[in-house]
Amino acid sequence: MGNLNFAHNAGFSWYCILLMLSGIAMVVIGVLRNQPSARRVLRIILGIGYFCYGFYLTFLFTGGHYFLFLAAFIVPVLVIVDAVRTNATRQRARSAARGGGGYY
C-alpha cells in the first residue's frame, strides 16, 4: 500500500496517516455552519492541502527529502478549540437576544 511500511518506517507511515486524518478533520470542521465564512474557507483549504500532501507522501513519493510539518498536528487542535469557542459565543448571543439565559 504505497509507502506505508510500519515494520521499517513506522514514524513516516504514522506521519502520512495522521497528516491525512488531520486534513479530513479540518475539512469536516470547515463544513460546519456556525462559523464565519473566511475561517470556513481557510480551514477547508488547509485541510485539503494536508490531505493532499499526506496522499502524495503515501502513494506518489519515491524517496528523498520530505517536509515534516509539526503544525499538521497542532493546527487541527487549535481549529477544534476555535470552533467550540465560536459556537459557544454564538449560543450566548442568541440566548441574550431572546431575552433569557442571563446570569443572576
C-alpha atoms as a PDB file:
ATOM      1  CA  MET A   1       0.000   0.000   0.000  1.00  0.00           C
ATOM      2  CA  GLY A   2       2.242   2.762  -1.229  1.00  0.00           C
ATOM      3  CA  ASN A   3       4.955   3.870   1.172  1.00  0.00           C
ATOM      4  CA  LEU A   4       3.234   2.628   4.324  1.00  0.00           C
ATOM      5  CA  ASN A   5       5.595   0.178   5.960  1.00  0.00           C
ATOM      6  CA  PHE A   6       5.171   0.069   9.702  1.00  0.00           C
ATOM      7  CA  ALA A   7       7.905  -2.550  10.122  1.00  0.00           C
ATOM      8  CA  HIS A   8      10.702  -0.407   8.669  1.00  0.00           C
ATOM      9  CA  ASN A   9       9.461   3.198   8.658  1.00  0.00           C
ATOM     10  CA  ALA A  10       6.812   3.388  11.346  1.00  0.00           C
ATOM     11  CA  GLY A  11       7.349   7.101  12.020  1.00  0.00           C
ATOM     12  CA  PHE A  12       6.959   8.041   8.375  1.00  0.00           C
ATOM     13  CA  SER A  13       3.939   5.767   7.979  1.00  0.00           C
ATOM     14  CA  TRP A  14       2.187   7.219  11.017  1.00  0.00           C
ATOM     15  CA  TYR A  15       3.031  10.732   9.843  1.00  0.00           C
ATOM     16  CA  CYS A  16       1.361  10.067   6.486  1.00  0.00           C
ATOM     17  CA  ILE A  17      -1.762   8.630   8.096  1.00  0.00           C
ATOM     18  CA  LEU A  18      -2.047  11.372  10.720  1.00  0.00           C
ATOM     19  CA  LEU A  19      -1.474  14.033   8.078  1.00  0.00           C
ATOM     20  CA  MET A  20      -4.391  12.723   6.033  1.00  0.00           C
ATOM     21  CA  LEU A  21      -6.599  12.363   9.130  1.00  0.00           C
ATOM     22  CA  SER A  22      -5.776  15.933  10.164  1.00  0.00           C
ATOM     23  CA  GLY A  23      -6.766  17.122   6.712  1.00  0.00           C
ATOM     24  CA  ILE A  24     -10.066  15.261   6.824  1.00  0.00           C
ATOM     25  CA  ALA A  25     -10.804  16.619  10.315  1.00  0.00           C
ATOM     26  CA  MET A  26     -10.143  20.188   9.194  1.00  0.00           C
ATOM     27  CA  VAL A  27     -12.393  19.822   6.150  1.00  0.00           C
ATOM     28  CA  VAL A  28     -15.192  18.397   8.311  1.00  0.00           C
ATOM     29  CA  ILE A  29     -14.852  21.249  10.809  1.00  0.00           C
ATOM     30  CA  GLY A  30     -14.718  23.741   7.960  1.00  0.00           C
ATOM     31  CA  VAL A  31     -18.051  22.495   6.640  1.00  0.00           C
ATOM     32  CA  LEU A  32     -19.842  23.329   9.907  1.00  0.00           C
ATOM     33  CA  ARG A  33     -22.261  26.231   9.520  1.00  0.00           C
ATOM     34  CA  ASN A  34     -21.777  28.064  12.840  1.00  0.00           C
ATOM     35  CA  GLN A  35     -18.558  29.798  11.794  1.00  0.00           C
ATOM     36  CA  PRO A  36     -17.516  32.912   9.897  1.00  0.00           C
ATOM     37  CA  SER A  37     -17.118  32.308   6.162  1.00  0.00           C
ATOM     38  CA  ALA A  38     -13.466  33.336   5.994  1.00  0.00           C
ATOM     39  CA  ARG A  39     -12.499  30.814   8.676  1.00  0.00           C
ATOM     40  CA  ARG A  40     -14.503  28.087   6.977  1.00  0.00           C
ATOM     41  CA  VAL A  41     -12.768  28.676   3.653  1.00  0.00           C
ATOM     42  CA  LEU A  42      -9.308  28.804   5.271  1.00  0.00           C
ATOM     43  CA  ARG A  43      -9.940  25.578   7.191  1.00  0.00           C
ATOM     44  CA  ILE A  44     -11.166  23.774   4.106  1.00  0.00           C
ATOM     45  CA  ILE A  45      -8.174  24.929   2.053  1.00  0.00           C
ATOM     46  CA  LEU A  46      -5.692  23.905   4.763  1.00  0.00           C
ATOM     47  CA  GLY A  47      -7.473  20.578   5.247  1.00  0.00           C
ATOM     48  CA  ILE A  48      -7.351  19.788   1.548  1.00  0.00           C
ATOM     49  CA  GLY A  49      -3.672  20.770   1.487  1.00  0.00           C
ATOM     50  CA  TYR A  50      -2.829  18.498   4.440  1.00  0.00           C
ATOM     51  CA  PHE A  51      -4.751  15.605   2.948  1.00  0.00           C
ATOM     52  CA  CYS A  52      -3.152  16.034  -0.489  1.00  0.00           C
ATOM     53  CA  TYR A  53       0.359  16.182   0.986  1.00  0.00           C
ATOM     54  CA  GLY A  54      -0.314  13.048   3.053  1.00  0.00           C
ATOM     55  CA  PHE A  55      -1.722  11.317  -0.025  1.00  0.00           C
ATOM     56  CA  TYR A  56       1.329  12.343  -2.043  1.00  0.00           C
ATOM     57  CA  LEU A  57       3.725  11.017   0.600  1.00  0.00           C
ATOM     58  CA  THR A  58       1.785   7.781   0.921  1.00  0.00           C
ATOM     59  CA  PHE A  59       1.169   6.875  -2.694  1.00  0.00           C
ATOM     60  CA  LEU A  60       3.336   9.004  -5.023  1.00  0.00           C
ATOM     61  CA  PHE A  61       6.539   9.787  -3.088  1.00  0.00           C
ATOM     62  CA  THR A  62       9.530   7.797  -4.415  1.00  0.00           C
ATOM     63  CA  GLY A  63      12.116   8.749  -1.820  1.00  0.00           C
ATOM     64  CA  GLY A  64      14.386  11.613  -0.997  1.00  0.00           C
ATOM     65  CA  HIS A  65      13.548  14.552   1.239  1.00  0.00           C
ATOM     66  CA  TYR A  66      10.170  15.446   2.671  1.00  0.00           C
ATOM     67  CA  PHE A  67       8.947  18.187   4.983  1.00  0.00           C
ATOM     68  CA  LEU A  68       7.766  17.266   8.451  1.00  0.00           C
ATOM     69  CA  PHE A  69       5.064  19.770   9.406  1.00  0.00           C
ATOM     70  CA  LEU A  70       4.505  19.720  13.151  1.00  0.00           C
ATOM     71  CA  ALA A  71       1.762  22.265  12.551  1.00  0.00           C
ATOM     72  CA  ALA A  72      -0.176  19.437  10.913  1.00  0.00           C
ATOM     73  CA  PHE A  73      -0.932  18.175  14.410  1.00  0.00           C
ATOM     74  CA  ILE A  74      -1.198  21.477  16.261  1.00  0.00           C
ATOM     75  CA  VAL A  75      -3.447  23.355  13.822  1.00  0.00           C
ATOM     76  CA  PRO A  76      -6.364  20.847  13.907  1.00  0.00           C
ATOM     77  CA  VAL A  77      -6.449  21.045  17.715  1.00  0.00           C
ATOM     78  CA  LEU A  78      -6.496  24.845  17.553  1.00  0.00           C
ATOM     79  CA  VAL A  79      -9.231  24.702  14.892  1.00  0.00           C
ATOM     80  CA  ILE A  80     -11.382  22.463  17.107  1.00  0.00           C
ATOM     81  CA  VAL A  81     -10.900  24.791  20.099  1.00  0.00           C
ATOM     82  CA  ASP A  82     -11.771  27.827  17.955  1.00  0.00           C
ATOM     83  CA  ALA A  83     -14.869  26.116  16.518  1.00  0.00           C
ATOM     84  CA  VAL A  84     -16.119  25.256  20.017  1.00  0.00           C
ATOM     85  CA  ARG A  85     -15.486  28.809  21.247  1.00  0.00           C
ATOM     86  CA  THR A  86     -17.215  30.326  18.229  1.00  0.00           C
ATOM     87  CA  ASN A  87     -20.212  28.062  18.705  1.00  0.00           C
ATOM     88  CA  ALA A  88     -20.441  28.885  22.428  1.00  0.00           C
ATOM     89  CA  THR A  89     -20.204  32.622  21.715  1.00  0.00           C
ATOM     90  CA  ARG A  90     -22.976  32.447  19.143  1.00  0.00           C
ATOM     91  CA  GLN A  91     -25.169  30.425  21.500  1.00  0.00           C
ATOM     92  CA  ARG A  92     -24.733  33.055  24.219  1.00  0.00           C
ATOM     93  CA  ALA A  93     -25.543  35.836  21.755  1.00  0.00           C
ATOM     94  CA  ARG A  94     -28.722  34.038  20.624  1.00  0.00           C
ATOM     95  CA  SER A  95     -29.753  33.442  24.208  1.00  0.00           C
ATOM     96  CA  ALA A  96     -29.204  37.098  25.115  1.00  0.00           C
ATOM     97  CA  ALA A  97     -31.141  38.233  22.035  1.00  0.00           C
ATOM     98  CA  ARG A  98     -34.137  36.164  23.117  1.00  0.00           C
ATOM     99  CA  GLY A  99     -34.042  37.867  26.489  1.00  0.00           C
ATOM    100  CA  GLY A 100     -33.213  34.817  28.551  1.00  0.00           C
ATOM    101  CA  GLY A 101     -30.298  32.868  29.766  1.00  0.00           C
ATOM    102  CA  GLY A 102     -28.654  35.733  31.617  1.00  0.00           C
ATOM    103  CA  TYR A 103     -26.606  35.188  34.749  1.00  0.00           C
ATOM    104  CA  TYR A 104     -28.150  36.285  38.031  1.00  0.00           C
END
